[in-house]
């Protein structure tokens, strides 16, 4: 069985796409393929006319660094680093000066409401604050595309809504946002919705019917 089976889709620039699906439906696989973290065994992934699955590892790393910002459910922060250093860290690979790295990181942390938490390590931050740090880090290269994998999965209700609004703000500022999630509230921020079951794109009605049957079984 394939993680994704016959998926054919086009994501337009400056849209907010929410991908819904149960665990094992292929949501994360789709996100990783779009961002160049995984390679498809068949088919192609085209970004602005360029097939990214044809890139070698070095070119693919440059594509990811310049074009895509990733946000993960588990935050993926470096626990020994402060919030400021976590956000600025990706700029080290661009040979940016420390002054520039810190200025850019401070700007982004201020944008996500953490200007007073820059010296705190992840252990000293709440889950919502850690996710805000992760969002700021994802924006460090000012990417065209933001890919978020269950960004509210580990957060309480109120904090989840604040993270959704942050992602919506990024979309309003011109970013292309793709979010995979179980959280149906995210759909209220979306311009497009996709539904995945067993690696296939299905209609909303089929998805809802499957969800009801799963609850009844």
C-alpha atoms as a PDB file:
ATOM      1  CA  UNK A   1       0.000   0.000   0.000  1.00  0.00           C
ATOM      2  CA  UNK A   2       1.287   3.442  -0.924  1.00  0.00           C
ATOM      3  CA  UNK A   3       1.326   6.346   1.536  1.00  0.00           C
ATOM      4  CA  UNK A   4      -0.136   8.436  -1.291  1.00  0.00           C
ATOM      5  CA  UNK A   5      -1.984   6.918  -4.235  1.00  0.00           C
ATOM      6  CA  UNK A   6      -2.707   8.866  -7.400  1.00  0.00           C
ATOM      7  CA  UNK A   7      -2.698  12.275  -5.711  1.00  0.00           C
ATOM      8  CA  UNK A   8      -2.846  15.057  -8.288  1.00  0.00           C
ATOM      9  CA  UNK A   9      -3.228  18.625  -7.063  1.00  0.00           C
ATOM     10  CA  UNK A  10      -2.229  22.209  -7.711  1.00  0.00           C
ATOM     11  CA  UNK A  11      -1.668  24.729  -4.936  1.00  0.00           C
ATOM     12  CA  UNK A  12      -1.835  28.316  -6.116  1.00  0.00           C
ATOM     13  CA  UNK A  13       0.372  31.058  -4.739  1.00  0.00           C
ATOM     14  CA  UNK A  14      -0.914  33.150  -1.824  1.00  0.00           C
ATOM     15  CA  UNK A  15      -3.523  30.598  -0.759  1.00  0.00           C
ATOM     16  CA  UNK A  16      -4.179  28.945   2.601  1.00  0.00           C
ATOM     17  CA  UNK A  17      -4.752  25.226   2.107  1.00  0.00           C
ATOM     18  CA  UNK A  18      -5.878  22.959   4.919  1.00  0.00           C
ATOM     19  CA  UNK A  19      -5.414  19.207   4.471  1.00  0.00           C
ATOM     20  CA  UNK A  20      -7.658  17.103   6.695  1.00  0.00           C
ATOM     21  CA  UNK A  21      -7.322  13.400   7.309  1.00  0.00           C
ATOM     22  CA  UNK A  22      -7.087  10.758  10.043  1.00  0.00           C
ATOM     23  CA  UNK A  23      -3.783   9.324  11.219  1.00  0.00           C
ATOM     24  CA  UNK A  24      -2.199   7.241   8.483  1.00  0.00           C
ATOM     25  CA  UNK A  25      -4.053   8.986   5.668  1.00  0.00           C
ATOM     26  CA  UNK A  26      -0.868  10.375   4.092  1.00  0.00           C
ATOM     27  CA  UNK A  27      -1.096  13.996   5.301  1.00  0.00           C
ATOM     28  CA  UNK A  28       2.436  14.309   6.617  1.00  0.00           C
ATOM     29  CA  UNK A  29       3.859  12.413   3.647  1.00  0.00           C
ATOM     30  CA  UNK A  30       2.189  14.917   1.324  1.00  0.00           C
ATOM     31  CA  UNK A  31       3.648  17.820   3.281  1.00  0.00           C
ATOM     32  CA  UNK A  32       7.159  16.362   3.288  1.00  0.00           C
ATOM     33  CA  UNK A  33       6.999  15.741  -0.447  1.00  0.00           C
ATOM     34  CA  UNK A  34       5.848  19.307  -1.119  1.00  0.00           C
ATOM     35  CA  UNK A  35       8.715  20.658   0.944  1.00  0.00           C
ATOM     36  CA  UNK A  36      11.419  18.453  -0.513  1.00  0.00           C
ATOM     37  CA  UNK A  37      12.023  16.517   2.694  1.00  0.00           C
ATOM     38  CA  UNK A  38      11.029  13.283   0.921  1.00  0.00           C
ATOM     39  CA  UNK A  39      11.190  12.226  -2.716  1.00  0.00           C
ATOM     40  CA  UNK A  40       8.290  10.588  -4.553  1.00  0.00           C
ATOM     41  CA  UNK A  41       8.744   7.067  -5.887  1.00  0.00           C
ATOM     42  CA  UNK A  42       6.634   8.057  -8.895  1.00  0.00           C
ATOM     43  CA  UNK A  43       5.312  11.265 -10.390  1.00  0.00           C
ATOM     44  CA  UNK A  44       6.684  14.776 -10.077  1.00  0.00           C
ATOM     45  CA  UNK A  45       6.519  17.850  -7.877  1.00  0.00           C
ATOM     46  CA  UNK A  46       6.786  21.158  -9.718  1.00  0.00           C
ATOM     47  CA  UNK A  47       7.411  24.526  -8.078  1.00  0.00           C
ATOM     48  CA  UNK A  48       7.177  27.569 -10.358  1.00  0.00           C
ATOM     49  CA  UNK A  49       7.900  25.375 -13.370  1.00  0.00           C
ATOM     50  CA  UNK A  50      10.838  23.585 -11.759  1.00  0.00           C
ATOM     51  CA  UNK A  51      10.740  19.873 -10.899  1.00  0.00           C
ATOM     52  CA  UNK A  52      12.165  19.770  -7.405  1.00  0.00           C
ATOM     53  CA  UNK A  53      12.428  15.970  -7.308  1.00  0.00           C
ATOM     54  CA  UNK A  54      15.097  16.224 -10.029  1.00  0.00           C
ATOM     55  CA  UNK A  55      17.358  18.355  -7.817  1.00  0.00           C
ATOM     56  CA  UNK A  56      20.444  16.810  -6.263  1.00  0.00           C
ATOM     57  CA  UNK A  57      20.812  16.886  -2.476  1.00  0.00           C
ATOM     58  CA  UNK A  58      22.722  20.184  -2.397  1.00  0.00           C
ATOM     59  CA  UNK A  59      20.276  21.959  -4.683  1.00  0.00           C
ATOM     60  CA  UNK A  60      17.364  20.500  -2.746  1.00  0.00           C
ATOM     61  CA  UNK A  61      18.815  21.826   0.519  1.00  0.00           C
ATOM     62  CA  UNK A  62      19.119  25.289  -1.032  1.00  0.00           C
ATOM     63  CA  UNK A  63      15.506  25.059  -2.266  1.00  0.00           C
ATOM     64  CA  UNK A  64      14.280  24.184   1.207  1.00  0.00           C
ATOM     65  CA  UNK A  65      16.313  26.913   2.862  1.00  0.00           C
ATOM     66  CA  UNK A  66      15.275  29.692   0.505  1.00  0.00           C
ATOM     67  CA  UNK A  67      11.726  28.723  -0.391  1.00  0.00           C
ATOM     68  CA  UNK A  68      10.060  26.746   2.396  1.00  0.00           C
ATOM     69  CA  UNK A  69       9.457  27.360   6.077  1.00  0.00           C
ATOM     70  CA  UNK A  70       8.579  24.252   8.111  1.00  0.00           C
ATOM     71  CA  UNK A  71       6.518  24.203  11.311  1.00  0.00           C
ATOM     72  CA  UNK A  72       6.218  20.908  13.192  1.00  0.00           C
ATOM     73  CA  UNK A  73       3.883  19.639  15.901  1.00  0.00           C
ATOM     74  CA  UNK A  74       6.864  18.792  18.127  1.00  0.00           C
ATOM     75  CA  UNK A  75       8.428  22.258  17.554  1.00  0.00           C
ATOM     76  CA  UNK A  76      11.910  20.763  16.852  1.00  0.00           C
ATOM     77  CA  UNK A  77      13.688  23.454  18.853  1.00  0.00           C
ATOM     78  CA  UNK A  78      17.254  23.046  20.128  1.00  0.00           C
ATOM     79  CA  UNK A  79      16.846  22.737  23.896  1.00  0.00           C
ATOM     80  CA  UNK A  80      20.232  24.185  24.814  1.00  0.00           C
ATOM     81  CA  UNK A  81      19.597  27.389  22.853  1.00  0.00           C
ATOM     82  CA  UNK A  82      17.607  30.495  23.738  1.00  0.00           C
ATOM     83  CA  UNK A  83      14.578  31.510  21.695  1.00  0.00           C
ATOM     84  CA  UNK A  84      16.709  34.127  19.935  1.00  0.00           C
ATOM     85  CA  UNK A  85      19.400  31.596  19.021  1.00  0.00           C
ATOM     86  CA  UNK A  86      16.839  29.023  17.869  1.00  0.00           C
ATOM     87  CA  UNK A  87      15.299  31.513  15.474  1.00  0.00           C
ATOM     88  CA  UNK A  88      18.596  32.904  14.194  1.00  0.00           C
ATOM     89  CA  UNK A  89      20.305  29.508  13.830  1.00  0.00           C
ATOM     90  CA  UNK A  90      19.311  28.816  10.165  1.00  0.00           C
ATOM     91  CA  UNK A  91      21.021  32.046   9.095  1.00  0.00           C
ATOM     92  CA  UNK A  92      24.381  30.588  10.080  1.00  0.00           C
ATOM     93  CA  UNK A  93      24.261  28.498   6.913  1.00  0.00           C
ATOM     94  CA  UNK A  94      23.915  31.707   4.894  1.00  0.00           C
ATOM     95  CA  UNK A  95      27.067  33.133   6.471  1.00  0.00           C
ATOM     96  CA  UNK A  96      25.142  36.106   7.828  1.00  0.00           C
ATOM     97  CA  UNK A  97      26.871  38.129  10.533  1.00  0.00           C
ATOM     98  CA  UNK A  98      25.882  37.557  14.138  1.00  0.00           C
ATOM     99  CA  UNK A  99      24.533  41.112  14.317  1.00  0.00           C
ATOM    100  CA  UNK A 100      22.283  40.550  11.320  1.00  0.00           C
ATOM    101  CA  UNK A 101      21.165  37.134  12.611  1.00  0.00           C
ATOM    102  CA  UNK A 102      20.167  38.559  15.975  1.00  0.00           C
ATOM    103  CA  UNK A 103      18.445  41.599  14.503  1.00  0.00           C
ATOM    104  CA  UNK A 104      16.378  39.447  12.156  1.00  0.00           C
ATOM    105  CA  UNK A 105      15.516  36.948  14.903  1.00  0.00           C
ATOM    106  CA  UNK A 106      14.505  39.745  17.280  1.00  0.00           C
ATOM    107  CA  UNK A 107      12.253  41.255  14.633  1.00  0.00           C
ATOM    108  CA  UNK A 108      10.493  37.941  14.068  1.00  0.00           C
ATOM    109  CA  UNK A 109      10.123  37.141  17.766  1.00  0.00           C
ATOM    110  CA  UNK A 110       8.578  40.583  18.250  1.00  0.00           C
ATOM    111  CA  UNK A 111       6.151  39.841  15.406  1.00  0.00           C
ATOM    112  CA  UNK A 112       4.943  36.700  17.191  1.00  0.00           C
ATOM    113  CA  UNK A 113       4.634  38.458  20.555  1.00  0.00           C
ATOM    114  CA  UNK A 114       7.765  37.104  22.251  1.00  0.00           C
ATOM    115  CA  UNK A 115      10.013  40.157  22.508  1.00  0.00           C
ATOM    116  CA  UNK A 116      10.228  39.611  26.281  1.00  0.00           C
ATOM    117  CA  UNK A 117      11.120  35.899  26.023  1.00  0.00           C
ATOM    118  CA  UNK A 118      14.116  35.989  23.713  1.00  0.00           C
ATOM    119  CA  UNK A 119      16.635  34.743  26.293  1.00  0.00           C
ATOM    120  CA  UNK A 120      14.489  31.828  27.470  1.00  0.00           C
ATOM    121  CA  UNK A 121      15.250  28.238  26.484  1.00  0.00           C
ATOM    122  CA  UNK A 122      12.459  25.919  25.285  1.00  0.00           C
ATOM    123  CA  UNK A 123      12.193  24.373  28.780  1.00  0.00           C
ATOM    124  CA  UNK A 124      11.326  27.835  30.117  1.00  0.00           C
ATOM    125  CA  UNK A 125       8.582  28.409  27.547  1.00  0.00           C
ATOM    126  CA  UNK A 126       5.011  27.139  27.339  1.00  0.00           C
ATOM    127  CA  UNK A 127       3.919  24.938  24.443  1.00  0.00           C
ATOM    128  CA  UNK A 128       2.290  27.887  22.721  1.00  0.00           C
ATOM    129  CA  UNK A 129       5.409  30.007  23.155  1.00  0.00           C
ATOM    130  CA  UNK A 130       7.569  27.213  21.740  1.00  0.00           C
ATOM    131  CA  UNK A 131       5.315  27.010  18.700  1.00  0.00           C
ATOM    132  CA  UNK A 132       5.596  30.775  18.229  1.00  0.00           C
ATOM    133  CA  UNK A 133       9.369  30.431  18.308  1.00  0.00           C
ATOM    134  CA  UNK A 134       9.071  27.684  15.681  1.00  0.00           C
ATOM    135  CA  UNK A 135       6.921  29.941  13.493  1.00  0.00           C
ATOM    136  CA  UNK A 136       9.442  32.764  13.823  1.00  0.00           C
ATOM    137  CA  UNK A 137      12.246  30.360  12.878  1.00  0.00           C
ATOM    138  CA  UNK A 138      10.264  29.197   9.837  1.00  0.00           C
ATOM    139  CA  UNK A 139      10.128  32.807   8.642  1.00  0.00           C
ATOM    140  CA  UNK A 140      13.847  33.547   9.072  1.00  0.00           C
ATOM    141  CA  UNK A 141      14.591  33.349   5.314  1.00  0.00           C
ATOM    142  CA  UNK A 142      11.296  35.041   4.363  1.00  0.00           C
ATOM    143  CA  UNK A 143      10.148  31.944   2.420  1.00  0.00           C
ATOM    144  CA  UNK A 144       7.373  31.933  -0.164  1.00  0.00           C
ATOM    145  CA  UNK A 145       5.767  28.817   1.314  1.00  0.00           C
ATOM    146  CA  UNK A 146       4.916  27.844   4.891  1.00  0.00           C
ATOM    147  CA  UNK A 147       4.273  24.138   5.550  1.00  0.00           C
ATOM    148  CA  UNK A 148       2.814  23.249   8.942  1.00  0.00           C
ATOM    149  CA  UNK A 149       2.417  19.685  10.231  1.00  0.00           C
ATOM    150  CA  UNK A 150      -0.241  19.527  12.986  1.00  0.00           C
ATOM    151  CA  UNK A 151       0.869  22.919  14.390  1.00  0.00           C
ATOM    152  CA  UNK A 152      -1.840  22.910  17.075  1.00  0.00           C
ATOM    153  CA  UNK A 153      -1.675  19.212  17.936  1.00  0.00           C
ATOM    154  CA  UNK A 154       0.063  19.645  21.305  1.00  0.00           C
ATOM    155  CA  UNK A 155      -1.670  22.860  22.369  1.00  0.00           C
ATOM    156  CA  UNK A 156      -4.717  23.783  24.429  1.00  0.00           C
ATOM    157  CA  UNK A 157      -7.797  25.307  22.807  1.00  0.00           C
ATOM    158  CA  UNK A 158      -7.052  28.995  23.380  1.00  0.00           C
ATOM    159  CA  UNK A 159      -3.410  28.659  22.361  1.00  0.00           C
ATOM    160  CA  UNK A 160      -4.395  26.689  19.267  1.00  0.00           C
ATOM    161  CA  UNK A 161      -6.605  29.539  18.092  1.00  0.00           C
ATOM    162  CA  UNK A 162      -3.779  32.055  18.553  1.00  0.00           C
ATOM    163  CA  UNK A 163      -1.470  29.878  16.433  1.00  0.00           C
ATOM    164  CA  UNK A 164      -4.156  29.585  13.743  1.00  0.00           C
ATOM    165  CA  UNK A 165      -4.433  33.352  13.663  1.00  0.00           C
ATOM    166  CA  UNK A 166      -0.672  33.714  13.326  1.00  0.00           C
ATOM    167  CA  UNK A 167      -0.699  31.394  10.325  1.00  0.00           C
ATOM    168  CA  UNK A 168      -3.642  33.310   8.875  1.00  0.00           C
ATOM    169  CA  UNK A 169      -1.701  36.561   9.328  1.00  0.00           C
ATOM    170  CA  UNK A 170       1.192  35.094   7.336  1.00  0.00           C
ATOM    171  CA  UNK A 171      -1.232  34.212   4.550  1.00  0.00           C
ATOM    172  CA  UNK A 172      -2.683  37.716   4.625  1.00  0.00           C
ATOM    173  CA  UNK A 173       0.860  39.053   4.179  1.00  0.00           C
ATOM    174  CA  UNK A 174       1.228  37.102   0.940  1.00  0.00           C
ATOM    175  CA  UNK A 175       2.599  33.732   2.000  1.00  0.00           C
ATOM    176  CA  UNK A 176       1.357  30.433   0.616  1.00  0.00           C
ATOM    177  CA  UNK A 177       0.356  28.326   3.630  1.00  0.00           C
ATOM    178  CA  UNK A 178      -0.334  24.588   3.696  1.00  0.00           C
ATOM    179  CA  UNK A 179      -1.428  23.023   6.984  1.00  0.00           C
ATOM    180  CA  UNK A 180      -2.124  19.355   7.673  1.00  0.00           C
ATOM    181  CA  UNK A 181      -4.302  18.874  10.719  1.00  0.00           C
ATOM    182  CA  UNK A 182      -6.998  16.989  12.587  1.00  0.00           C
ATOM    183  CA  UNK A 183      -8.369  20.289  13.874  1.00  0.00           C
ATOM    184  CA  UNK A 184     -11.512  21.208  11.927  1.00  0.00           C
ATOM    185  CA  UNK A 185     -11.393  24.770  13.295  1.00  0.00           C
ATOM    186  CA  UNK A 186      -8.459  25.445  11.002  1.00  0.00           C
ATOM    187  CA  UNK A 187     -10.834  25.278   8.020  1.00  0.00           C
ATOM    188  CA  UNK A 188     -12.337  28.637   8.966  1.00  0.00           C
ATOM    189  CA  UNK A 189      -9.009  30.291   8.039  1.00  0.00           C
ATOM    190  CA  UNK A 190      -8.550  28.405   4.766  1.00  0.00           C
ATOM    191  CA  UNK A 191      -9.077  29.421   1.167  1.00  0.00           C
ATOM    192  CA  UNK A 192      -8.861  25.760   0.077  1.00  0.00           C
ATOM    193  CA  UNK A 193      -9.587  22.441   1.749  1.00  0.00           C
ATOM    194  CA  UNK A 194      -8.363  18.960   0.870  1.00  0.00           C
ATOM    195  CA  UNK A 195      -9.462  15.658   2.401  1.00  0.00           C
ATOM    196  CA  UNK A 196      -7.276  12.540   2.459  1.00  0.00           C
ATOM    197  CA  UNK A 197      -8.307   8.960   3.168  1.00  0.00           C
ATOM    198  CA  UNK A 198      -5.953   6.015   2.691  1.00  0.00           C
ATOM    199  CA  UNK A 199      -3.622   8.112   0.563  1.00  0.00           C
ATOM    200  CA  UNK A 200      -6.307   9.376  -1.801  1.00  0.00           C
ATOM    201  CA  UNK A 201      -7.964  12.776  -2.152  1.00  0.00           C
ATOM    202  CA  UNK A 202     -11.692  12.387  -1.495  1.00  0.00           C
ATOM    203  CA  UNK A 203     -14.718  14.662  -1.352  1.00  0.00           C
ATOM    204  CA  UNK A 204     -15.771  16.352   1.869  1.00  0.00           C
ATOM    205  CA  UNK A 205     -18.932  14.234   1.958  1.00  0.00           C
ATOM    206  CA  UNK A 206     -16.954  11.005   1.645  1.00  0.00           C
ATOM    207  CA  UNK A 207     -14.559  12.178   4.336  1.00  0.00           C
ATOM    208  CA  UNK A 208     -17.377  13.094   6.721  1.00  0.00           C
ATOM    209  CA  UNK A 209     -19.151   9.797   6.082  1.00  0.00           C
ATOM    210  CA  UNK A 210     -15.964   7.881   6.813  1.00  0.00           C
ATOM    211  CA  UNK A 211     -15.487   9.845  10.053  1.00  0.00           C
ATOM    212  CA  UNK A 212     -19.009   9.018  11.218  1.00  0.00           C
ATOM    213  CA  UNK A 213     -18.543   5.320  10.426  1.00  0.00           C
ATOM    214  CA  UNK A 214     -15.270   5.292  12.328  1.00  0.00           C
ATOM    215  CA  UNK A 215     -16.994   6.722  15.394  1.00  0.00           C
ATOM    216  CA  UNK A 216     -19.802   4.171  15.182  1.00  0.00           C
ATOM    217  CA  UNK A 217     -17.498   1.142  14.797  1.00  0.00           C
END
